Amino acid sequence: MGALFALIIVVYILLILFGANPGNAFFQFMASIAEPLALFFPGLFDLTNDTLQLILNYGLAAVFWLVVTGFLARLVARY
């Protein structure tokens, strides 16, 4: 599940980086899913470079989901 969450966030990052049309239905759909999944990470770092800020904030959210769900999977597998 965490890999899916991370994939959604990464696709959203790529859509923004490659200049996807924000009015497009697919972009809006991905944004409506990715933004809540990013939790508190957007705005965590306020950088002057918008591209770096996007990659850092949303990228940390993707890594967070991979780490947390990996930890939970190992914890559940023990019991």
C-alpha atoms as a PDB file:
ATOM      1  CA  MET A   1       0.000   0.000   0.000  1.00  0.00           C
ATOM      2  CA  GLY A   2       2.847   2.381   0.826  1.00  0.00           C
ATOM      3  CA  ALA A   3       4.428   1.813  -2.574  1.00  0.00           C
ATOM      4  CA  LEU A   4       1.135   2.766  -4.212  1.00  0.00           C
ATOM      5  CA  PHE A   5       0.912   5.941  -2.116  1.00  0.00           C
ATOM      6  CA  ALA A   6       4.512   6.812  -3.006  1.00  0.00           C
ATOM      7  CA  LEU A   7       3.855   6.129  -6.692  1.00  0.00           C
ATOM      8  CA  ILE A   8       0.845   8.473  -6.685  1.00  0.00           C
ATOM      9  CA  ILE A   9       2.936  11.223  -5.102  1.00  0.00           C
ATOM     10  CA  VAL A  10       5.809  10.685  -7.553  1.00  0.00           C
ATOM     11  CA  VAL A  11       3.441  10.818 -10.540  1.00  0.00           C
ATOM     12  CA  TYR A  12       2.012  14.064  -9.166  1.00  0.00           C
ATOM     13  CA  ILE A  13       5.536  15.502  -8.809  1.00  0.00           C
ATOM     14  CA  LEU A  14       6.345  14.512 -12.399  1.00  0.00           C
ATOM     15  CA  LEU A  15       3.116  16.018 -13.719  1.00  0.00           C
ATOM     16  CA  ILE A  16       3.999  19.342 -12.122  1.00  0.00           C
ATOM     17  CA  LEU A  17       7.657  19.233 -13.174  1.00  0.00           C
ATOM     18  CA  PHE A  18       6.787  18.501 -16.801  1.00  0.00           C
ATOM     19  CA  GLY A  19       4.209  21.302 -16.881  1.00  0.00           C
ATOM     20  CA  ALA A  20       0.969  19.351 -17.098  1.00  0.00           C
ATOM     21  CA  ASN A  21      -2.171  21.396 -17.603  1.00  0.00           C
ATOM     22  CA  PRO A  22      -3.763  21.970 -14.154  1.00  0.00           C
ATOM     23  CA  GLY A  23      -7.166  22.133 -15.835  1.00  0.00           C
ATOM     24  CA  ASN A  24      -6.826  18.572 -17.120  1.00  0.00           C
ATOM     25  CA  ALA A  25      -9.099  16.008 -15.444  1.00  0.00           C
ATOM     26  CA  PHE A  26      -6.282  13.508 -14.885  1.00  0.00           C
ATOM     27  CA  PHE A  27      -4.083  16.167 -13.280  1.00  0.00           C
ATOM     28  CA  GLN A  28      -6.930  17.231 -11.008  1.00  0.00           C
ATOM     29  CA  PHE A  29      -7.627  13.607 -10.099  1.00  0.00           C
ATOM     30  CA  MET A  30      -3.986  12.981  -9.210  1.00  0.00           C
ATOM     31  CA  ALA A  31      -3.818  16.227  -7.234  1.00  0.00           C
ATOM     32  CA  SER A  32      -6.955  15.309  -5.284  1.00  0.00           C
ATOM     33  CA  ILE A  33      -5.311  12.035  -4.244  1.00  0.00           C
ATOM     34  CA  ALA A  34      -1.672  13.149  -3.828  1.00  0.00           C
ATOM     35  CA  GLU A  35      -2.243  16.280  -1.775  1.00  0.00           C
ATOM     36  CA  PRO A  36      -3.944  14.508   1.164  1.00  0.00           C
ATOM     37  CA  LEU A  37      -1.357  11.722   1.000  1.00  0.00           C
ATOM     38  CA  ALA A  38       1.415  14.280   1.377  1.00  0.00           C
ATOM     39  CA  LEU A  39       0.140  14.944   4.910  1.00  0.00           C
ATOM     40  CA  PHE A  40       2.061  17.775   6.594  1.00  0.00           C
ATOM     41  CA  PHE A  41       5.066  17.699   4.246  1.00  0.00           C
ATOM     42  CA  PRO A  42       4.007  20.401   1.727  1.00  0.00           C
ATOM     43  CA  GLY A  43       5.255  23.665   3.149  1.00  0.00           C
ATOM     44  CA  LEU A  44       7.689  21.952   5.510  1.00  0.00           C
ATOM     45  CA  PHE A  45      10.620  23.556   3.710  1.00  0.00           C
ATOM     46  CA  ASP A  46      10.225  27.052   2.277  1.00  0.00           C
ATOM     47  CA  LEU A  47      12.862  27.380  -0.424  1.00  0.00           C
ATOM     48  CA  THR A  48      13.370  30.062  -3.058  1.00  0.00           C
ATOM     49  CA  ASN A  49      13.616  27.420  -5.797  1.00  0.00           C
ATOM     50  CA  ASP A  50      10.044  26.190  -6.382  1.00  0.00           C
ATOM     51  CA  THR A  51      11.151  23.044  -8.217  1.00  0.00           C
ATOM     52  CA  LEU A  52      13.478  21.981  -5.434  1.00  0.00           C
ATOM     53  CA  GLN A  53      10.810  22.794  -2.854  1.00  0.00           C
ATOM     54  CA  LEU A  54       8.285  20.595  -4.665  1.00  0.00           C
ATOM     55  CA  ILE A  55      10.706  17.684  -4.977  1.00  0.00           C
ATOM     56  CA  LEU A  56      11.854  17.958  -1.376  1.00  0.00           C
ATOM     57  CA  ASN A  57       8.456  18.355   0.272  1.00  0.00           C
ATOM     58  CA  TYR A  58       6.503  15.819  -1.770  1.00  0.00           C
ATOM     59  CA  GLY A  59       9.504  13.525  -2.133  1.00  0.00           C
ATOM     60  CA  LEU A  60       9.788  13.324   1.653  1.00  0.00           C
ATOM     61  CA  ALA A  61       6.130  12.373   1.793  1.00  0.00           C
ATOM     62  CA  ALA A  62       6.744   9.524  -0.676  1.00  0.00           C
ATOM     63  CA  VAL A  63       9.741   8.297   1.325  1.00  0.00           C
ATOM     64  CA  PHE A  64       7.691   8.574   4.521  1.00  0.00           C
ATOM     65  CA  TRP A  65       5.030   6.225   3.151  1.00  0.00           C
ATOM     66  CA  LEU A  66       7.641   3.700   2.023  1.00  0.00           C
ATOM     67  CA  VAL A  67       9.415   3.720   5.379  1.00  0.00           C
ATOM     68  CA  VAL A  68       6.304   3.648   7.572  1.00  0.00           C
ATOM     69  CA  THR A  69       4.522   0.907   5.651  1.00  0.00           C
ATOM     70  CA  GLY A  70       7.733  -1.122   5.418  1.00  0.00           C
ATOM     71  CA  PHE A  71       8.147  -0.846   9.171  1.00  0.00           C
ATOM     72  CA  LEU A  72       4.512  -1.815   9.784  1.00  0.00           C
ATOM     73  CA  ALA A  73       4.775  -4.788   7.424  1.00  0.00           C
ATOM     74  CA  ARG A  74       7.824  -6.094   9.273  1.00  0.00           C
ATOM     75  CA  LEU A  75       6.109  -5.518  12.601  1.00  0.00           C
ATOM     76  CA  VAL A  76       2.983  -7.408  11.533  1.00  0.00           C
ATOM     77  CA  ALA A  77       5.039 -10.234  10.019  1.00  0.00           C
ATOM     78  CA  ARG A  78       6.683 -10.848  13.381  1.00  0.00           C
ATOM     79  CA  TYR A  79       3.387 -11.580  15.111  1.00  0.00           C
END
